[in-house]
Amino acid sequence: MGAIRIRGLDHVVLRVADLERSKAFYRDVLGCPEEKWQPEIGLLQMRAGSALIDMVHIDGKLGRQGGALAGKEGRNVDHFCLQLAEFDEAALRAHLTAHGVEPGPVVQRYGAEGYGRSMYVSDPDGNTVELKAPPDPPTKS
């Protein structure tokens, strides 16, 4: 074993145009409760299972350090993936639609725990978030 052994994702930091709008999306749509607000540096941390989704406003102390906000033609992240405890497609689609979020198609994708169903959605700043089902049970040969 080498000096670096990764256990999982600790956090991702997103630079956002509207902190309240983004907080509402991650809290109300994806169910991430607010963990910590650090006003001195403009950092909002939301709990996503065992990981954190951090947000900094582009005009805040940390946000200004990154330059202009990424956009549709100039993104700095392709997507990040949240592992879901369960994946009821109909309930998930109804929930997202009720919050004005367009659910993407469900596709079989490979992730950290193996193959499973997943769906892409966009957050208010155009970041793509993959919602991943628990892994498929192994097939018997």
N, C-alpha and C. Protein backbone atom coordinates (compact mmCIF):
# COMPACT_ATOMS: atom_id res chain seq x y z
N MET A 1 0.85 -1.19 0.00
CA MET A 1 0.00 0.00 0.00
C MET A 1 0.88 1.24 0.00
N GLY A 2 0.52 2.21 -0.80
CA GLY A 2 1.29 3.44 -0.88
C GLY A 2 0.97 4.39 0.26
N ALA A 3 1.56 5.56 0.21
CA ALA A 3 1.37 6.57 1.25
C ALA A 3 -0.03 7.19 1.20
N ILE A 4 -0.68 7.11 0.07
CA ILE A 4 -2.02 7.69 -0.08
C ILE A 4 -3.03 6.57 -0.25
N ARG A 5 -4.01 6.50 0.66
CA ARG A 5 -5.09 5.51 0.58
C ARG A 5 -6.41 6.26 0.71
N ILE A 6 -7.11 6.38 -0.35
CA ILE A 6 -8.35 7.15 -0.36
C ILE A 6 -9.49 6.31 0.18
N ARG A 7 -10.23 6.89 1.14
CA ARG A 7 -11.42 6.24 1.72
C ARG A 7 -12.70 6.66 1.02
N GLY A 8 -12.75 7.87 0.49
CA GLY A 8 -13.96 8.35 -0.16
C GLY A 8 -13.85 9.85 -0.40
N LEU A 9 -14.90 10.43 -0.87
CA LEU A 9 -14.93 11.87 -1.13
C LEU A 9 -15.18 12.62 0.17
N ASP A 10 -14.34 13.58 0.51
CA ASP A 10 -14.52 14.39 1.70
C ASP A 10 -15.43 15.58 1.42
N HIS A 11 -15.08 16.35 0.40
CA HIS A 11 -15.92 17.50 0.03
C HIS A 11 -15.59 17.96 -1.38
N VAL A 12 -16.51 18.71 -1.93
CA VAL A 12 -16.32 19.40 -3.20
C VAL A 12 -16.70 20.85 -2.93
N VAL A 13 -15.99 21.79 -3.54
CA VAL A 13 -16.29 23.21 -3.35
C VAL A 13 -16.79 23.78 -4.67
N LEU A 14 -17.98 24.36 -4.61
CA LEU A 14 -18.59 24.97 -5.79
C LEU A 14 -18.58 26.48 -5.64
N ARG A 15 -18.25 27.16 -6.72
CA ARG A 15 -18.34 28.62 -6.76
C ARG A 15 -19.70 28.94 -7.35
N VAL A 16 -20.52 29.73 -6.64
CA VAL A 16 -21.91 29.94 -7.05
C VAL A 16 -22.22 31.42 -7.21
N ALA A 17 -23.21 31.71 -8.06
CA ALA A 17 -23.63 33.09 -8.32
C ALA A 17 -24.61 33.59 -7.27
N ASP A 18 -25.43 32.71 -6.72
CA ASP A 18 -26.46 33.09 -5.76
C ASP A 18 -26.46 32.04 -4.64
N LEU A 19 -25.86 32.39 -3.52
CA LEU A 19 -25.68 31.44 -2.42
C LEU A 19 -27.01 30.92 -1.88
N GLU A 20 -28.00 31.78 -1.72
CA GLU A 20 -29.30 31.35 -1.19
C GLU A 20 -30.01 30.40 -2.15
N ARG A 21 -29.94 30.70 -3.44
CA ARG A 21 -30.56 29.83 -4.45
C ARG A 21 -29.89 28.45 -4.45
N SER A 22 -28.57 28.43 -4.38
CA SER A 22 -27.84 27.16 -4.36
C SER A 22 -28.10 26.40 -3.07
N LYS A 23 -28.14 27.12 -1.95
CA LYS A 23 -28.44 26.48 -0.67
C LYS A 23 -29.82 25.82 -0.72
N ALA A 24 -30.80 26.52 -1.28
CA ALA A 24 -32.16 25.98 -1.39
C ALA A 24 -32.17 24.72 -2.26
N PHE A 25 -31.42 24.72 -3.36
CA PHE A 25 -31.37 23.55 -4.24
C PHE A 25 -30.80 22.35 -3.50
N TYR A 26 -29.65 22.51 -2.89
CA TYR A 26 -29.01 21.36 -2.22
C TYR A 26 -29.78 20.93 -0.97
N ARG A 27 -30.43 21.87 -0.29
CA ARG A 27 -31.22 21.54 0.91
C ARG A 27 -32.57 20.95 0.53
N ASP A 28 -33.35 21.68 -0.28
CA ASP A 28 -34.74 21.29 -0.54
C ASP A 28 -34.88 20.22 -1.60
N VAL A 29 -34.04 20.24 -2.62
CA VAL A 29 -34.17 19.28 -3.71
C VAL A 29 -33.38 18.00 -3.39
N LEU A 30 -32.12 18.16 -2.95
CA LEU A 30 -31.28 16.99 -2.73
C LEU A 30 -31.21 16.53 -1.28
N GLY A 31 -31.80 17.30 -0.36
CA GLY A 31 -31.88 16.86 1.04
C GLY A 31 -30.60 17.00 1.83
N CYS A 32 -29.73 17.92 1.46
CA CYS A 32 -28.47 18.14 2.17
C CYS A 32 -28.68 19.22 3.24
N PRO A 33 -28.62 18.86 4.51
CA PRO A 33 -28.80 19.89 5.54
C PRO A 33 -27.58 20.80 5.65
N GLU A 34 -27.85 22.03 6.10
CA GLU A 34 -26.74 22.96 6.32
C GLU A 34 -25.90 22.46 7.49
N GLU A 35 -24.61 22.40 7.29
CA GLU A 35 -23.67 21.93 8.31
C GLU A 35 -23.00 23.09 9.04
N LYS A 36 -22.47 24.03 8.26
CA LYS A 36 -21.70 25.11 8.89
C LYS A 36 -21.64 26.31 7.95
N TRP A 37 -21.77 27.48 8.53
CA TRP A 37 -21.64 28.73 7.77
C TRP A 37 -20.45 29.48 8.35
N GLN A 38 -19.51 29.84 7.50
CA GLN A 38 -18.31 30.57 7.92
C GLN A 38 -18.32 31.94 7.23
N PRO A 39 -19.01 32.92 7.82
CA PRO A 39 -19.19 34.20 7.16
C PRO A 39 -17.89 34.97 6.91
N GLU A 40 -16.88 34.75 7.75
CA GLU A 40 -15.63 35.49 7.58
C GLU A 40 -14.93 35.18 6.26
N ILE A 41 -15.19 34.00 5.71
CA ILE A 41 -14.60 33.67 4.41
C ILE A 41 -15.68 33.39 3.35
N GLY A 42 -16.95 33.48 3.75
CA GLY A 42 -18.05 33.28 2.80
C GLY A 42 -18.21 31.84 2.36
N LEU A 43 -18.05 30.90 3.29
CA LEU A 43 -18.11 29.47 2.97
C LEU A 43 -19.31 28.83 3.65
N LEU A 44 -20.21 28.25 2.85
CA LEU A 44 -21.36 27.50 3.35
C LEU A 44 -21.10 26.03 3.10
N GLN A 45 -21.26 25.21 4.13
CA GLN A 45 -21.02 23.77 4.01
C GLN A 45 -22.32 23.02 4.25
N MET A 46 -22.66 22.14 3.30
CA MET A 46 -23.87 21.33 3.36
C MET A 46 -23.45 19.87 3.50
N ARG A 47 -24.16 19.13 4.34
CA ARG A 47 -23.85 17.71 4.57
C ARG A 47 -24.46 16.87 3.46
N ALA A 48 -23.65 16.02 2.84
CA ALA A 48 -24.09 15.09 1.80
C ALA A 48 -23.63 13.69 2.21
N GLY A 49 -24.38 13.05 3.09
CA GLY A 49 -23.96 11.75 3.62
C GLY A 49 -22.70 11.92 4.44
N SER A 50 -21.65 11.18 4.09
CA SER A 50 -20.40 11.29 4.82
C SER A 50 -19.50 12.39 4.28
N ALA A 51 -19.93 13.07 3.23
CA ALA A 51 -19.14 14.12 2.59
C ALA A 51 -19.81 15.48 2.76
N LEU A 52 -19.13 16.52 2.31
CA LEU A 52 -19.67 17.88 2.33
C LEU A 52 -19.69 18.45 0.93
N ILE A 53 -20.70 19.27 0.66
CA ILE A 53 -20.73 20.11 -0.53
C ILE A 53 -20.58 21.53 -0.01
N ASP A 54 -19.45 22.13 -0.33
CA ASP A 54 -19.16 23.50 0.10
C ASP A 54 -19.49 24.46 -1.02
N MET A 55 -19.98 25.65 -0.65
CA MET A 55 -20.30 26.67 -1.63
C MET A 55 -19.70 28.00 -1.21
N VAL A 56 -19.10 28.68 -2.18
CA VAL A 56 -18.61 30.03 -1.96
C VAL A 56 -19.23 30.93 -3.01
N HIS A 57 -19.68 32.09 -2.59
CA HIS A 57 -20.24 33.06 -3.53
C HIS A 57 -19.09 33.67 -4.33
N ILE A 58 -19.30 33.84 -5.63
CA ILE A 58 -18.21 34.34 -6.49
C ILE A 58 -17.73 35.73 -6.10
N ASP A 59 -18.54 36.49 -5.37
CA ASP A 59 -18.11 37.83 -4.95
C ASP A 59 -17.54 37.84 -3.53
N GLY A 60 -17.51 36.68 -2.86
CA GLY A 60 -16.98 36.60 -1.50
C GLY A 60 -15.47 36.47 -1.50
N LYS A 61 -14.89 36.44 -0.30
CA LYS A 61 -13.44 36.38 -0.14
C LYS A 61 -12.82 35.20 -0.90
N LEU A 62 -13.35 34.00 -0.68
CA LEU A 62 -12.82 32.83 -1.38
C LEU A 62 -13.22 32.81 -2.84
N GLY A 63 -14.46 33.21 -3.13
CA GLY A 63 -14.97 33.18 -4.50
C GLY A 63 -14.20 34.06 -5.46
N ARG A 64 -13.78 35.23 -4.99
CA ARG A 64 -13.03 36.15 -5.86
C ARG A 64 -11.68 35.57 -6.28
N GLN A 65 -11.13 34.67 -5.48
CA GLN A 65 -9.82 34.10 -5.79
C GLN A 65 -9.86 33.21 -7.03
N GLY A 66 -11.03 32.73 -7.41
CA GLY A 66 -11.14 31.82 -8.54
C GLY A 66 -11.45 32.47 -9.87
N GLY A 67 -11.57 33.78 -9.91
CA GLY A 67 -11.87 34.46 -11.16
C GLY A 67 -13.34 34.40 -11.49
N ALA A 68 -13.64 34.47 -12.79
CA ALA A 68 -15.03 34.50 -13.26
C ALA A 68 -15.71 33.16 -13.01
N LEU A 69 -17.02 33.22 -12.88
CA LEU A 69 -17.83 32.02 -12.69
C LEU A 69 -17.81 31.19 -13.97
N ALA A 70 -17.66 29.90 -13.82
CA ALA A 70 -17.71 29.01 -14.98
C ALA A 70 -19.10 29.06 -15.59
N GLY A 71 -19.22 28.79 -16.86
CA GLY A 71 -20.51 28.81 -17.54
C GLY A 71 -20.64 27.63 -18.48
N LYS A 72 -21.69 27.62 -19.27
CA LYS A 72 -21.96 26.50 -20.16
C LYS A 72 -20.81 26.24 -21.12
N GLU A 73 -20.13 27.29 -21.55
CA GLU A 73 -19.03 27.13 -22.50
C GLU A 73 -17.66 27.13 -21.84
N GLY A 74 -17.59 27.23 -20.53
CA GLY A 74 -16.30 27.25 -19.86
C GLY A 74 -16.41 26.68 -18.46
N ARG A 75 -16.60 25.37 -18.35
CA ARG A 75 -16.79 24.75 -17.05
C ARG A 75 -15.45 24.28 -16.49
N ASN A 76 -15.35 24.25 -15.17
CA ASN A 76 -14.13 23.75 -14.56
C ASN A 76 -14.36 22.38 -13.89
N VAL A 77 -15.58 21.88 -13.91
CA VAL A 77 -15.91 20.56 -13.38
C VAL A 77 -16.90 19.92 -14.35
N ASP A 78 -16.69 18.66 -14.69
CA ASP A 78 -17.67 18.00 -15.56
C ASP A 78 -18.91 17.66 -14.74
N HIS A 79 -18.74 16.90 -13.65
CA HIS A 79 -19.84 16.60 -12.75
C HIS A 79 -19.28 15.98 -11.49
N PHE A 80 -20.10 15.89 -10.47
CA PHE A 80 -19.75 15.08 -9.30
C PHE A 80 -20.94 14.20 -8.99
N CYS A 81 -20.68 13.12 -8.26
CA CYS A 81 -21.69 12.09 -8.07
C CYS A 81 -22.01 11.92 -6.60
N LEU A 82 -23.30 11.86 -6.30
CA LEU A 82 -23.78 11.60 -4.94
C LEU A 82 -24.36 10.20 -4.91
N GLN A 83 -23.86 9.37 -4.00
CA GLN A 83 -24.40 8.03 -3.83
C GLN A 83 -25.69 8.12 -3.04
N LEU A 84 -26.79 7.57 -3.58
CA LEU A 84 -28.07 7.60 -2.90
C LEU A 84 -28.29 6.30 -2.13
N ALA A 85 -28.99 6.39 -1.01
CA ALA A 85 -29.29 5.21 -0.20
C ALA A 85 -30.32 4.32 -0.89
N GLU A 86 -31.21 4.94 -1.66
CA GLU A 86 -32.21 4.19 -2.42
C GLU A 86 -32.50 4.95 -3.69
N PHE A 87 -33.09 4.26 -4.66
CA PHE A 87 -33.32 4.87 -5.97
C PHE A 87 -34.68 4.43 -6.49
N ASP A 88 -35.72 5.14 -6.06
CA ASP A 88 -37.08 4.91 -6.55
C ASP A 88 -37.27 5.93 -7.67
N GLU A 89 -37.11 5.47 -8.91
CA GLU A 89 -37.11 6.39 -10.04
C GLU A 89 -38.36 7.26 -10.11
N ALA A 90 -39.53 6.68 -9.94
CA ALA A 90 -40.78 7.45 -10.04
C ALA A 90 -40.84 8.52 -8.95
N ALA A 91 -40.50 8.16 -7.73
CA ALA A 91 -40.52 9.12 -6.63
C ALA A 91 -39.47 10.20 -6.84
N LEU A 92 -38.31 9.81 -7.33
CA LEU A 92 -37.23 10.75 -7.59
C LEU A 92 -37.63 11.76 -8.66
N ARG A 93 -38.21 11.27 -9.75
CA ARG A 93 -38.66 12.16 -10.83
C ARG A 93 -39.74 13.13 -10.34
N ALA A 94 -40.69 12.61 -9.57
CA ALA A 94 -41.77 13.47 -9.05
C ALA A 94 -41.20 14.55 -8.13
N HIS A 95 -40.27 14.18 -7.28
CA HIS A 95 -39.67 15.13 -6.35
C HIS A 95 -38.90 16.22 -7.10
N LEU A 96 -38.07 15.82 -8.04
CA LEU A 96 -37.28 16.79 -8.80
C LEU A 96 -38.19 17.73 -9.59
N THR A 97 -39.18 17.17 -10.27
CA THR A 97 -40.11 17.97 -11.07
C THR A 97 -40.87 18.97 -10.19
N ALA A 98 -41.28 18.54 -9.00
CA ALA A 98 -42.00 19.42 -8.08
C ALA A 98 -41.14 20.61 -7.65
N HIS A 99 -39.81 20.43 -7.72
CA HIS A 99 -38.89 21.51 -7.36
C HIS A 99 -38.37 22.25 -8.58
N GLY A 100 -38.97 22.00 -9.75
CA GLY A 100 -38.58 22.71 -10.95
C GLY A 100 -37.25 22.25 -11.53
N VAL A 101 -36.83 21.04 -11.19
CA VAL A 101 -35.56 20.49 -11.68
C VAL A 101 -35.89 19.41 -12.70
N GLU A 102 -35.29 19.52 -13.89
CA GLU A 102 -35.54 18.54 -14.94
C GLU A 102 -34.70 17.29 -14.71
N PRO A 103 -35.36 16.15 -14.46
CA PRO A 103 -34.60 14.92 -14.27
C PRO A 103 -34.09 14.40 -15.61
N GLY A 104 -32.87 13.93 -15.63
CA GLY A 104 -32.31 13.34 -16.84
C GLY A 104 -32.72 11.89 -16.97
N PRO A 105 -32.33 11.25 -18.07
CA PRO A 105 -32.64 9.83 -18.24
C PRO A 105 -31.87 8.99 -17.23
N VAL A 106 -32.44 7.86 -16.88
CA VAL A 106 -31.74 6.92 -16.00
C VAL A 106 -30.91 6.00 -16.89
N VAL A 107 -29.63 5.93 -16.57
CA VAL A 107 -28.67 5.17 -17.36
C VAL A 107 -27.84 4.30 -16.42
N GLN A 108 -27.44 3.16 -16.89
CA GLN A 108 -26.55 2.27 -16.13
C GLN A 108 -25.13 2.81 -16.26
N ARG A 109 -24.51 3.13 -15.12
CA ARG A 109 -23.15 3.68 -15.13
C ARG A 109 -22.29 2.98 -14.08
N TYR A 110 -21.01 3.02 -14.31
CA TYR A 110 -20.07 2.44 -13.36
C TYR A 110 -19.58 3.54 -12.42
N GLY A 111 -19.51 3.22 -11.13
CA GLY A 111 -19.01 4.17 -10.13
C GLY A 111 -18.18 3.45 -9.10
N ALA A 112 -17.92 4.11 -7.99
CA ALA A 112 -17.03 3.59 -6.96
C ALA A 112 -17.48 2.26 -6.39
N GLU A 113 -18.78 2.00 -6.41
CA GLU A 113 -19.31 0.75 -5.85
C GLU A 113 -19.74 -0.24 -6.93
N GLY A 114 -19.41 0.02 -8.17
CA GLY A 114 -19.77 -0.88 -9.27
C GLY A 114 -20.86 -0.27 -10.13
N TYR A 115 -21.49 -1.12 -10.94
CA TYR A 115 -22.54 -0.65 -11.84
C TYR A 115 -23.84 -0.41 -11.09
N GLY A 116 -24.57 0.60 -11.54
CA GLY A 116 -25.87 0.90 -10.98
C GLY A 116 -26.53 1.99 -11.80
N ARG A 117 -27.81 2.18 -11.55
CA ARG A 117 -28.56 3.21 -12.26
C ARG A 117 -28.16 4.59 -11.75
N SER A 118 -28.23 5.57 -12.63
CA SER A 118 -27.96 6.94 -12.21
C SER A 118 -28.67 7.91 -13.13
N MET A 119 -28.77 9.14 -12.65
CA MET A 119 -29.45 10.21 -13.37
C MET A 119 -28.65 11.49 -13.16
N TYR A 120 -28.55 12.29 -14.21
CA TYR A 120 -27.91 13.60 -14.09
C TYR A 120 -28.98 14.67 -13.92
N VAL A 121 -28.69 15.66 -13.06
CA VAL A 121 -29.49 16.86 -12.91
C VAL A 121 -28.53 18.05 -12.90
N SER A 122 -29.07 19.23 -13.10
CA SER A 122 -28.25 20.45 -13.06
C SER A 122 -28.63 21.28 -11.85
N ASP A 123 -27.61 21.82 -11.18
CA ASP A 123 -27.88 22.73 -10.07
C ASP A 123 -28.11 24.14 -10.63
N PRO A 124 -28.45 25.12 -9.79
CA PRO A 124 -28.77 26.46 -10.31
C PRO A 124 -27.63 27.14 -11.06
N ASP A 125 -26.38 26.73 -10.85
CA ASP A 125 -25.25 27.34 -11.54
C ASP A 125 -24.79 26.53 -12.74
N GLY A 126 -25.56 25.51 -13.12
CA GLY A 126 -25.21 24.71 -14.29
C GLY A 126 -24.25 23.57 -14.00
N ASN A 127 -23.90 23.34 -12.74
CA ASN A 127 -23.07 22.19 -12.40
C ASN A 127 -23.90 20.92 -12.55
N THR A 128 -23.31 19.89 -13.12
CA THR A 128 -24.01 18.62 -13.29
C THR A 128 -23.77 17.76 -12.06
N VAL A 129 -24.86 17.25 -11.48
CA VAL A 129 -24.82 16.39 -10.32
C VAL A 129 -25.38 15.03 -10.73
N GLU A 130 -24.60 13.98 -10.54
CA GLU A 130 -25.07 12.63 -10.82
C GLU A 130 -25.66 12.05 -9.54
N LEU A 131 -26.88 11.54 -9.63
CA LEU A 131 -27.54 10.88 -8.51
C LEU A 131 -27.45 9.38 -8.78
N LYS A 132 -26.70 8.66 -7.95
CA LYS A 132 -26.35 7.25 -8.21
C LYS A 132 -27.07 6.32 -7.26
N ALA A 133 -27.68 5.29 -7.83
CA ALA A 133 -28.36 4.25 -7.06
C ALA A 133 -27.33 3.38 -6.35
N PRO A 134 -27.77 2.67 -5.31
CA PRO A 134 -26.89 1.65 -4.75
C PRO A 134 -26.49 0.67 -5.86
N PRO A 135 -25.35 -0.01 -5.72
CA PRO A 135 -24.90 -0.89 -6.79
C PRO A 135 -25.88 -2.02 -7.06
N ASP A 136 -25.89 -2.46 -8.31
CA ASP A 136 -26.71 -3.61 -8.68
C ASP A 136 -26.17 -4.85 -7.96
N PRO A 137 -27.07 -5.75 -7.58
CA PRO A 137 -26.58 -7.00 -6.97
C PRO A 137 -25.78 -7.79 -8.00
N PRO A 138 -24.76 -8.52 -7.55
CA PRO A 138 -23.98 -9.31 -8.50
C PRO A 138 -24.85 -10.34 -9.21
N THR A 139 -24.54 -10.59 -10.46
CA THR A 139 -25.30 -11.60 -11.21
C THR A 139 -24.68 -12.96 -10.97
N LYS A 140 -25.55 -13.97 -10.91
CA LYS A 140 -25.07 -15.34 -10.71
C LYS A 140 -24.73 -15.95 -12.06
N SER A 141 -23.58 -16.61 -12.11
CA SER A 141 -23.19 -17.21 -13.39
C SER A 141 -23.42 -18.69 -13.41
